[in-house]
PDB file of N, CA and C in Angstrom:
ATOM      1  N   MET A   1     166.266 126.419  75.873  1.00  0.00           N
ATOM      2  CA  MET A   1     165.882 127.702  76.441  1.00  0.00           C
ATOM      3  C   MET A   1     165.153 128.499  75.376  1.00  0.00           C
ATOM      4  N   ALA A   2     164.110 129.199  75.774  1.00  0.00           N
ATOM      5  CA  ALA A   2     163.341 130.051  74.867  1.00  0.00           C
ATOM      6  C   ALA A   2     163.339 131.478  75.408  1.00  0.00           C
ATOM      7  N   ILE A   3     163.470 132.415  74.495  1.00  0.00           N
ATOM      8  CA  ILE A   3     163.509 133.835  74.823  1.00  0.00           C
ATOM      9  C   ILE A   3     162.244 134.469  74.269  1.00  0.00           C
ATOM     10  N   ARG A   4     161.517 135.206  75.088  1.00  0.00           N
ATOM     11  CA  ARG A   4     160.289 135.857  74.637  1.00  0.00           C
ATOM     12  C   ARG A   4     160.612 137.211  74.017  1.00  0.00           C
ATOM     13  N   THR A   5     159.872 137.560  72.960  1.00  0.00           N
ATOM     14  CA  THR A   5     160.032 138.841  72.293  1.00  0.00           C
ATOM     15  C   THR A   5     158.667 139.419  71.954  1.00  0.00           C
ATOM     16  N   ASP A   6     158.631 140.703  71.688  1.00  0.00           N
ATOM     17  CA  ASP A   6     157.410 141.351  71.213  1.00  0.00           C
ATOM     18  C   ASP A   6     157.415 141.496  69.696  1.00  0.00           C
ATOM     19  N   ASN A   7     158.575 141.223  69.045  1.00  0.00           N
ATOM     20  CA  ASN A   7     158.686 141.367  67.595  1.00  0.00           C
ATOM     21  C   ASN A   7     159.579 140.253  67.060  1.00  0.00           C
ATOM     22  N   LEU A   8     158.971 139.183  66.579  1.00  0.00           N
ATOM     23  CA  LEU A   8     159.722 138.019  66.137  1.00  0.00           C
ATOM     24  C   LEU A   8     160.627 138.336  64.946  1.00  0.00           C
ATOM     25  N   GLU A   9     160.128 139.109  63.988  1.00  0.00           N
ATOM     26  CA  GLU A   9     160.917 139.422  62.792  1.00  0.00           C
ATOM     27  C   GLU A   9     162.164 140.238  63.145  1.00  0.00           C
ATOM     28  N   ALA A  10     162.005 141.227  64.014  1.00  0.00           N
ATOM     29  CA  ALA A  10     163.150 142.043  64.429  1.00  0.00           C
ATOM     30  C   ALA A  10     164.155 141.197  65.207  1.00  0.00           C
ATOM     31  N   SER A  11     163.664 140.276  66.018  1.00  0.00           N
ATOM     32  CA  SER A  11     164.563 139.404  66.778  1.00  0.00           C
ATOM     33  C   SER A  11     165.337 138.480  65.855  1.00  0.00           C
ATOM     34  N   GLN A  12     164.674 137.944  64.835  1.00  0.00           N
ATOM     35  CA  GLN A  12     165.369 137.086  63.883  1.00  0.00           C
ATOM     36  C   GLN A  12     166.461 137.869  63.157  1.00  0.00           C
ATOM     37  N   ALA A  13     166.157 139.087  62.745  1.00  0.00           N
ATOM     38  CA  ALA A  13     167.157 139.920  62.075  1.00  0.00           C
ATOM     39  C   ALA A  13     168.343 140.197  62.996  1.00  0.00           C
ATOM     40  N   ALA A  14     168.075 140.449  64.263  1.00  0.00           N
ATOM     41  CA  ALA A  14     169.148 140.714  65.223  1.00  0.00           C
ATOM     42  C   ALA A  14     170.014 139.481  65.446  1.00  0.00           C
ATOM     43  N   VAL A  15     169.385 138.310  65.534  1.00  0.00           N
ATOM     44  CA  VAL A  15     170.131 137.060  65.701  1.00  0.00           C
ATOM     45  C   VAL A  15     171.060 136.846  64.510  1.00  0.00           C
ATOM     46  N   GLU A  16     170.529 137.024  63.304  1.00  0.00           N
ATOM     47  CA  GLU A  16     171.338 136.820  62.099  1.00  0.00           C
ATOM     48  C   GLU A  16     172.463 137.844  62.011  1.00  0.00           C
ATOM     49  N   ALA A  17     172.180 139.101  62.353  1.00  0.00           N
ATOM     50  CA  ALA A  17     173.210 140.145  62.310  1.00  0.00           C
ATOM     51  C   ALA A  17     174.339 139.870  63.301  1.00  0.00           C
ATOM     52  N   ALA A  18     174.012 139.176  64.396  1.00  0.00           N
ATOM     53  CA  ALA A  18     175.011 138.861  65.416  1.00  0.00           C
ATOM     54  C   ALA A  18     175.767 137.561  65.129  1.00  0.00           C
ATOM     55  N   GLY A  19     175.463 136.923  63.990  1.00  0.00           N
ATOM     56  CA  GLY A  19     176.184 135.713  63.624  1.00  0.00           C
ATOM     57  C   GLY A  19     175.483 134.420  63.967  1.00  0.00           C
ATOM     58  N   GLY A  20     174.250 134.499  64.448  1.00  0.00           N
ATOM     59  CA  GLY A  20     173.480 133.289  64.736  1.00  0.00           C
ATOM     60  C   GLY A  20     172.965 132.658  63.452  1.00  0.00           C
ATOM     61  N   ALA A  21     172.779 131.347  63.462  1.00  0.00           N
ATOM     62  CA  ALA A  21     172.271 130.612  62.306  1.00  0.00           C
ATOM     63  C   ALA A  21     170.870 130.099  62.634  1.00  0.00           C
ATOM     64  N   ILE A  22     169.905 130.435  61.795  1.00  0.00           N
ATOM     65  CA  ILE A  22     168.541 129.960  61.982  1.00  0.00           C
ATOM     66  C   ILE A  22     168.511 128.463  61.663  1.00  0.00           C
ATOM     67  N   THR A  23     168.047 127.658  62.613  1.00  0.00           N
ATOM     68  CA  THR A  23     167.988 126.210  62.411  1.00  0.00           C
ATOM     69  C   THR A  23     166.574 125.728  62.154  1.00  0.00           C
ATOM     70  N   VAL A  24     165.567 126.483  62.621  1.00  0.00           N
ATOM     71  CA  VAL A  24     164.162 126.196  62.343  1.00  0.00           C
ATOM     72  C   VAL A  24     163.515 127.541  62.016  1.00  0.00           C
ATOM     73  N   GLU A  25     163.012 127.672  60.795  1.00  0.00           N
ATOM     74  CA  GLU A  25     162.366 128.918  60.371  1.00  0.00           C
ATOM     75  C   GLU A  25     161.134 129.196  61.237  1.00  0.00           C
ATOM     76  N   PRO A  26     160.689 130.460  61.303  1.00  0.00           N
ATOM     77  CA  PRO A  26     159.524 130.801  62.118  1.00  0.00           C
ATOM     78  C   PRO A  26     158.307 129.935  61.770  1.00  0.00           C
ATOM     79  N   PHE A  27     157.591 129.509  62.802  1.00  0.00           N
ATOM     80  CA  PHE A  27     156.395 128.698  62.614  1.00  0.00           C
ATOM     81  C   PHE A  27     155.403 128.996  63.723  1.00  0.00           C
ATOM     82  N   ASP A  28     154.127 128.724  63.422  1.00  0.00           N
ATOM     83  CA  ASP A  28     153.058 128.890  64.403  1.00  0.00           C
ATOM     84  C   ASP A  28     153.018 127.674  65.322  1.00  0.00           C
ATOM     85  N   PHE A  29     152.706 127.911  66.575  1.00  0.00           N
ATOM     86  CA  PHE A  29     152.462 126.834  67.532  1.00  0.00           C
ATOM     87  C   PHE A  29     151.370 127.327  68.474  1.00  0.00           C
ATOM     88  N   PRO A  30     150.718 126.444  69.207  1.00  0.00           N
ATOM     89  CA  PRO A  30     149.662 126.912  70.115  1.00  0.00           C
ATOM     90  C   PRO A  30     150.206 127.983  71.070  1.00  0.00           C
ATOM     91  N   GLY A  31     149.676 129.169  70.975  1.00  0.00           N
ATOM     92  CA  GLY A  31     150.106 130.250  71.848  1.00  0.00           C
ATOM     93  C   GLY A  31     150.989 131.291  71.192  1.00  0.00           C
ATOM     94  N   GLY A  32     151.416 131.077  69.934  1.00  0.00           N
ATOM     95  CA  GLY A  32     152.241 132.090  69.287  1.00  0.00           C
ATOM     96  C   GLY A  32     153.024 131.593  68.093  1.00  0.00           C
ATOM     97  N   ARG A  33     154.169 132.238  67.877  1.00  0.00           N
ATOM     98  CA  ARG A  33     155.093 131.890  66.792  1.00  0.00           C
ATOM     99  C   ARG A  33     156.493 131.827  67.373  1.00  0.00           C
ATOM    100  N   ARG A  34     157.371 131.037  66.735  1.00  0.00           N
ATOM    101  CA  ARG A  34     158.743 130.968  67.219  1.00  0.00           C
ATOM    102  C   ARG A  34     159.678 130.497  66.119  1.00  0.00           C
ATOM    103  N   PHE A  35     160.976 130.687  66.384  1.00  0.00           N
ATOM    104  CA  PHE A  35     162.027 130.132  65.541  1.00  0.00           C
ATOM    105  C   PHE A  35     163.135 129.639  66.441  1.00  0.00           C
ATOM    106  N   HIS A  36     164.006 128.807  65.897  1.00  0.00           N
ATOM    107  CA  HIS A  36     165.145 128.288  66.639  1.00  0.00           C
ATOM    108  C   HIS A  36     166.421 128.741  65.953  1.00  0.00           C
ATOM    109  N   PHE A  37     167.478 128.921  66.738  1.00  0.00           N
ATOM    110  CA  PHE A  37     168.756 129.322  66.161  1.00  0.00           C
ATOM    111  C   PHE A  37     169.907 128.751  66.971  1.00  0.00           C
ATOM    112  N   ARG A  38     171.063 128.723  66.337  1.00  0.00           N
ATOM    113  CA  ARG A  38     172.297 128.315  67.007  1.00  0.00           C
ATOM    114  C   ARG A  38     173.178 129.545  67.086  1.00  0.00           C
ATOM    115  N   GLU A  39     173.586 129.896  68.297  1.00  0.00           N
ATOM    116  CA  GLU A  39     174.453 131.065  68.477  1.00  0.00           C
ATOM    117  C   GLU A  39     175.891 130.666  68.130  1.00  0.00           C
ATOM    118  N   PRO A  40     176.772 131.657  67.893  1.00  0.00           N
ATOM    119  CA  PRO A  40     178.134 131.346  67.444  1.00  0.00           C
ATOM    120  C   PRO A  40     178.896 130.366  68.339  1.00  0.00           C
ATOM    121  N   GLY A  41     178.560 130.274  69.614  1.00  0.00           N
ATOM    122  CA  GLY A  41     179.227 129.341  70.509  1.00  0.00           C
ATOM    123  C   GLY A  41     178.692 127.919  70.405  1.00  0.00           C
ATOM    124  N   GLY A  42     177.601 127.735  69.649  1.00  0.00           N
ATOM    125  CA  GLY A  42     177.064 126.409  69.411  1.00  0.00           C
ATOM    126  C   GLY A  42     175.807 126.053  70.181  1.00  0.00           C
ATOM    127  N   CYS A  43     175.327 126.915  71.067  1.00  0.00           N
ATOM    128  CA  CYS A  43     174.112 126.622  71.834  1.00  0.00           C
ATOM    129  C   CYS A  43     172.872 126.843  70.974  1.00  0.00           C
ATOM    130  N   GLU A  44     171.919 125.929  71.088  1.00  0.00           N
ATOM    131  CA  GLU A  44     170.645 126.029  70.357  1.00  0.00           C
ATOM    132  C   GLU A  44     169.620 126.704  71.277  1.00  0.00           C
ATOM    133  N   LEU A  45     168.957 127.727  70.761  1.00  0.00           N
ATOM    134  CA  LEU A  45     167.970 128.496  71.521  1.00  0.00           C
ATOM    135  C   LEU A  45     166.746 128.711  70.656  1.00  0.00           C
ATOM    136  N   ALA A  46     165.677 129.177  71.283  1.00  0.00           N
ATOM    137  CA  ALA A  46     164.455 129.536  70.560  1.00  0.00           C
ATOM    138  C   ALA A  46     164.030 130.938  70.975  1.00  0.00           C
ATOM    139  N   VAL A  47     163.344 131.615  70.052  1.00  0.00           N
ATOM    140  CA  VAL A  47     162.747 132.915  70.346  1.00  0.00           C
ATOM    141  C   VAL A  47     161.267 132.782  70.017  1.00  0.00           C
ATOM    142  N   TRP A  48     160.409 133.247  70.916  1.00  0.00           N
ATOM    143  CA  TRP A  48     158.979 133.130  70.669  1.00  0.00           C
ATOM    144  C   TRP A  48     158.255 134.433  70.953  1.00  0.00           C
ATOM    145  N   GLN A  49     157.136 134.594  70.235  1.00  0.00           N
ATOM    146  CA  GLN A  49     156.254 135.746  70.397  1.00  0.00           C
ATOM    147  C   GLN A  49     154.869 135.206  70.700  1.00  0.00           C
ATOM    148  N   ALA A  50     154.261 135.710  71.740  1.00  0.00           N
ATOM    149  CA  ALA A  50     152.922 135.270  72.135  1.00  0.00           C
ATOM    150  C   ALA A  50     151.892 135.664  71.082  1.00  0.00           C
ATOM    151  N   ALA A  51     150.881 134.849  70.932  1.00  0.00           N
ATOM    152  CA  ALA A  51     149.778 135.152  70.024  1.00  0.00           C
ATOM    153  C   ALA A  51     148.994 136.345  70.539  1.00  0.00           C
ATOM    154  N   GLY A  52     148.418 137.064  69.606  1.00  0.00           N
ATOM    155  CA  GLY A  52     147.514 138.118  70.007  1.00  0.00           C
ATOM    156  C   GLY A  52     148.078 139.437  69.961  1.00  0.00           C
TER     157      GLY A  52
END
């Protein structure tokens, strides 16, 4: 599952503050940037920001 955001850096900070662990650091991909994280319950998710 991927969650869209308007501010990738703020979302990463919020994930970390809530106890999430970054599993893939932010990277560019066609259409934007994203990172992956594991939430405290163990589910792996992604957060992405559209390019532009």
